[in-house]
Amino acid sequence: MSLADWYGGLILAPARTRLIIAATGLALRELPGTLLLVRAKLDAAHEGGLALQDWRAYAPTTVGDHERHAA
């Protein structure tokens, strides 16, 4: 079974704001309303084992059309 089939491909994981800023290159003022997509290890036993990587930030009006910033 893939995660896409289970929970529609979505998981929630906490991340510190400074990590998000560093990973995306966005300024703090740009974060509200921004959609963030991140790759994670799905076999992780806890949030620390997710190994979040390949962060991508999308502007809310361009989701699915144009990437605002890819880190």
N, C-alpha and C. Protein backbone atom coordinates (compact mmCIF):
# COMPACT_ATOMS: atom_id res chain seq x y z
N MET A 1 0.85 -1.18 0.00
CA MET A 1 0.00 0.00 0.00
C MET A 1 0.89 1.23 0.00
N SER A 2 0.55 2.19 -0.81
CA SER A 2 1.32 3.43 -0.84
C SER A 2 0.65 4.48 0.03
N LEU A 3 1.42 5.47 0.44
CA LEU A 3 0.86 6.55 1.25
C LEU A 3 -0.20 7.31 0.45
N ALA A 4 -0.02 7.38 -0.88
CA ALA A 4 -1.02 8.07 -1.71
C ALA A 4 -2.38 7.40 -1.59
N ASP A 5 -2.39 6.07 -1.45
CA ASP A 5 -3.66 5.34 -1.29
C ASP A 5 -4.19 5.46 0.13
N TRP A 6 -3.33 5.72 1.06
CA TRP A 6 -3.67 5.77 2.49
C TRP A 6 -3.53 7.21 2.95
N TYR A 7 -4.52 7.82 3.45
CA TYR A 7 -4.53 9.22 3.89
C TYR A 7 -4.33 10.21 2.75
N GLY A 8 -4.57 9.81 1.52
CA GLY A 8 -4.45 10.71 0.39
C GLY A 8 -3.04 11.24 0.18
N GLY A 9 -2.03 10.55 0.68
CA GLY A 9 -0.65 10.97 0.50
C GLY A 9 -0.19 12.06 1.44
N LEU A 10 -0.97 12.34 2.49
CA LEU A 10 -0.64 13.45 3.39
C LEU A 10 -0.26 12.96 4.77
N ILE A 11 0.78 13.56 5.34
CA ILE A 11 1.13 13.36 6.74
C ILE A 11 1.44 14.74 7.32
N LEU A 12 1.34 14.88 8.60
CA LEU A 12 1.70 16.13 9.28
C LEU A 12 2.88 15.86 10.18
N ALA A 13 3.85 16.76 10.15
CA ALA A 13 5.03 16.62 11.01
C ALA A 13 5.44 18.02 11.46
N PRO A 14 5.81 18.17 12.72
CA PRO A 14 6.26 19.48 13.19
C PRO A 14 7.63 19.82 12.61
N ALA A 15 7.86 21.10 12.37
CA ALA A 15 9.17 21.57 11.91
C ALA A 15 9.40 22.97 12.47
N ARG A 16 10.59 23.22 12.93
CA ARG A 16 10.93 24.54 13.47
C ARG A 16 10.95 25.58 12.34
N THR A 17 10.50 26.78 12.66
CA THR A 17 10.43 27.85 11.67
C THR A 17 11.79 28.11 11.05
N ARG A 18 12.85 28.11 11.86
CA ARG A 18 14.17 28.40 11.30
C ARG A 18 14.62 27.31 10.32
N LEU A 19 14.18 26.06 10.52
CA LEU A 19 14.48 24.99 9.58
C LEU A 19 13.75 25.23 8.25
N ILE A 20 12.50 25.64 8.34
CA ILE A 20 11.71 25.91 7.13
C ILE A 20 12.33 27.06 6.34
N ILE A 21 12.72 28.12 7.03
CA ILE A 21 13.34 29.27 6.37
C ILE A 21 14.65 28.86 5.69
N ALA A 22 15.47 28.09 6.39
CA ALA A 22 16.75 27.64 5.82
C ALA A 22 16.54 26.70 4.63
N ALA A 23 15.58 25.81 4.72
CA ALA A 23 15.36 24.82 3.67
C ALA A 23 14.72 25.41 2.42
N THR A 24 13.89 26.43 2.58
CA THR A 24 13.16 26.99 1.43
C THR A 24 13.77 28.27 0.89
N GLY A 25 14.52 28.98 1.71
CA GLY A 25 15.06 30.27 1.29
C GLY A 25 14.04 31.39 1.37
N LEU A 26 12.88 31.12 1.93
CA LEU A 26 11.84 32.14 2.07
C LEU A 26 12.10 33.00 3.30
N ALA A 27 11.61 34.21 3.27
CA ALA A 27 11.67 35.08 4.45
C ALA A 27 10.50 34.73 5.37
N LEU A 28 10.62 35.04 6.64
CA LEU A 28 9.57 34.76 7.61
C LEU A 28 8.23 35.35 7.16
N ARG A 29 8.25 36.55 6.60
CA ARG A 29 6.99 37.21 6.18
C ARG A 29 6.34 36.50 4.99
N GLU A 30 7.08 35.66 4.27
CA GLU A 30 6.53 34.93 3.13
C GLU A 30 5.87 33.61 3.51
N LEU A 31 6.08 33.14 4.72
CA LEU A 31 5.58 31.83 5.12
C LEU A 31 4.05 31.73 5.28
N PRO A 32 3.39 32.72 5.89
CA PRO A 32 1.94 32.57 6.05
C PRO A 32 1.24 32.39 4.70
N GLY A 33 0.44 31.35 4.60
CA GLY A 33 -0.31 31.08 3.39
C GLY A 33 0.45 30.28 2.34
N THR A 34 1.73 29.98 2.60
CA THR A 34 2.53 29.24 1.64
C THR A 34 2.32 27.74 1.84
N LEU A 35 2.17 27.00 0.76
CA LEU A 35 2.05 25.55 0.80
C LEU A 35 3.44 24.96 0.74
N LEU A 36 3.79 24.11 1.70
CA LEU A 36 5.10 23.47 1.73
C LEU A 36 4.94 21.97 1.47
N LEU A 37 5.71 21.46 0.54
CA LEU A 37 5.75 20.03 0.26
C LEU A 37 7.15 19.53 0.59
N VAL A 38 7.24 18.38 1.26
CA VAL A 38 8.51 17.85 1.74
C VAL A 38 8.51 16.34 1.57
N ARG A 39 9.67 15.79 1.20
CA ARG A 39 9.82 14.34 1.16
C ARG A 39 10.21 13.84 2.55
N ALA A 40 9.67 12.69 2.94
CA ALA A 40 9.96 12.12 4.26
C ALA A 40 10.11 10.60 4.15
N LYS A 41 10.87 10.02 5.08
CA LYS A 41 10.99 8.56 5.16
C LYS A 41 9.71 8.02 5.78
N LEU A 42 8.99 7.23 5.05
CA LEU A 42 7.71 6.74 5.53
C LEU A 42 7.83 5.57 6.49
N ASP A 43 9.02 5.00 6.61
CA ASP A 43 9.20 3.90 7.56
C ASP A 43 9.73 4.39 8.91
N ALA A 44 9.74 5.72 9.09
CA ALA A 44 10.22 6.28 10.35
C ALA A 44 9.31 5.87 11.50
N ALA A 45 9.92 5.58 12.64
CA ALA A 45 9.16 5.17 13.82
C ALA A 45 8.71 6.36 14.65
N HIS A 46 9.31 7.54 14.40
CA HIS A 46 8.95 8.74 15.15
C HIS A 46 9.30 9.94 14.28
N GLU A 47 8.87 11.13 14.69
CA GLU A 47 9.06 12.33 13.87
C GLU A 47 10.52 12.63 13.59
N GLY A 48 11.41 12.32 14.53
CA GLY A 48 12.83 12.58 14.32
C GLY A 48 13.44 11.73 13.22
N GLY A 49 12.83 10.61 12.90
CA GLY A 49 13.34 9.72 11.87
C GLY A 49 12.78 10.00 10.48
N LEU A 50 11.97 11.05 10.35
CA LEU A 50 11.36 11.34 9.05
C LEU A 50 12.38 11.79 8.00
N ALA A 51 13.51 12.35 8.43
CA ALA A 51 14.56 12.83 7.52
C ALA A 51 13.97 13.72 6.43
N LEU A 52 13.30 14.79 6.85
CA LEU A 52 12.63 15.69 5.91
C LEU A 52 13.64 16.31 4.94
N GLN A 53 13.31 16.28 3.64
CA GLN A 53 14.22 16.81 2.62
C GLN A 53 13.44 17.20 1.37
N ASP A 54 14.13 17.83 0.43
CA ASP A 54 13.54 18.28 -0.84
C ASP A 54 12.34 19.19 -0.60
N TRP A 55 12.53 20.20 0.22
CA TRP A 55 11.47 21.15 0.55
C TRP A 55 11.09 21.95 -0.69
N ARG A 56 9.81 22.13 -0.91
CA ARG A 56 9.30 22.95 -2.02
C ARG A 56 8.18 23.84 -1.50
N ALA A 57 8.26 25.10 -1.82
CA ALA A 57 7.27 26.08 -1.38
C ALA A 57 6.48 26.58 -2.58
N TYR A 58 5.17 26.65 -2.44
CA TYR A 58 4.29 27.11 -3.51
C TYR A 58 3.43 28.25 -3.00
N ALA A 59 3.26 29.26 -3.83
CA ALA A 59 2.34 30.35 -3.51
C ALA A 59 0.92 29.78 -3.59
N PRO A 60 0.02 30.21 -2.73
CA PRO A 60 -1.33 29.65 -2.70
C PRO A 60 -2.09 29.79 -4.02
N THR A 61 -1.83 30.82 -4.80
CA THR A 61 -2.56 31.02 -6.04
C THR A 61 -1.96 30.25 -7.21
N THR A 62 -0.78 29.66 -7.01
CA THR A 62 -0.13 28.96 -8.11
C THR A 62 0.08 27.49 -7.83
N VAL A 63 -0.57 26.94 -6.84
CA VAL A 63 -0.40 25.53 -6.52
C VAL A 63 -0.77 24.71 -7.75
N GLY A 64 0.14 23.84 -8.15
CA GLY A 64 -0.09 23.01 -9.32
C GLY A 64 0.32 23.67 -10.62
N ASP A 65 0.59 24.97 -10.62
CA ASP A 65 0.96 25.67 -11.84
C ASP A 65 2.44 26.03 -11.86
N HIS A 66 2.86 26.86 -10.92
CA HIS A 66 4.24 27.36 -10.92
C HIS A 66 4.81 27.29 -9.51
N GLU A 67 6.04 26.83 -9.44
CA GLU A 67 6.73 26.75 -8.17
C GLU A 67 7.24 28.13 -7.80
N ARG A 68 7.02 28.53 -6.54
CA ARG A 68 7.55 29.83 -6.09
C ARG A 68 9.04 29.69 -5.84
N HIS A 69 9.42 28.62 -5.17
CA HIS A 69 10.84 28.43 -4.83
C HIS A 69 11.06 26.96 -4.55
N ALA A 70 12.09 26.40 -5.08
CA ALA A 70 12.45 25.01 -4.77
C ALA A 70 13.86 25.02 -4.20
N ALA A 71 14.01 24.44 -3.02
CA ALA A 71 15.33 24.40 -2.38
C ALA A 71 16.00 23.09 -2.71
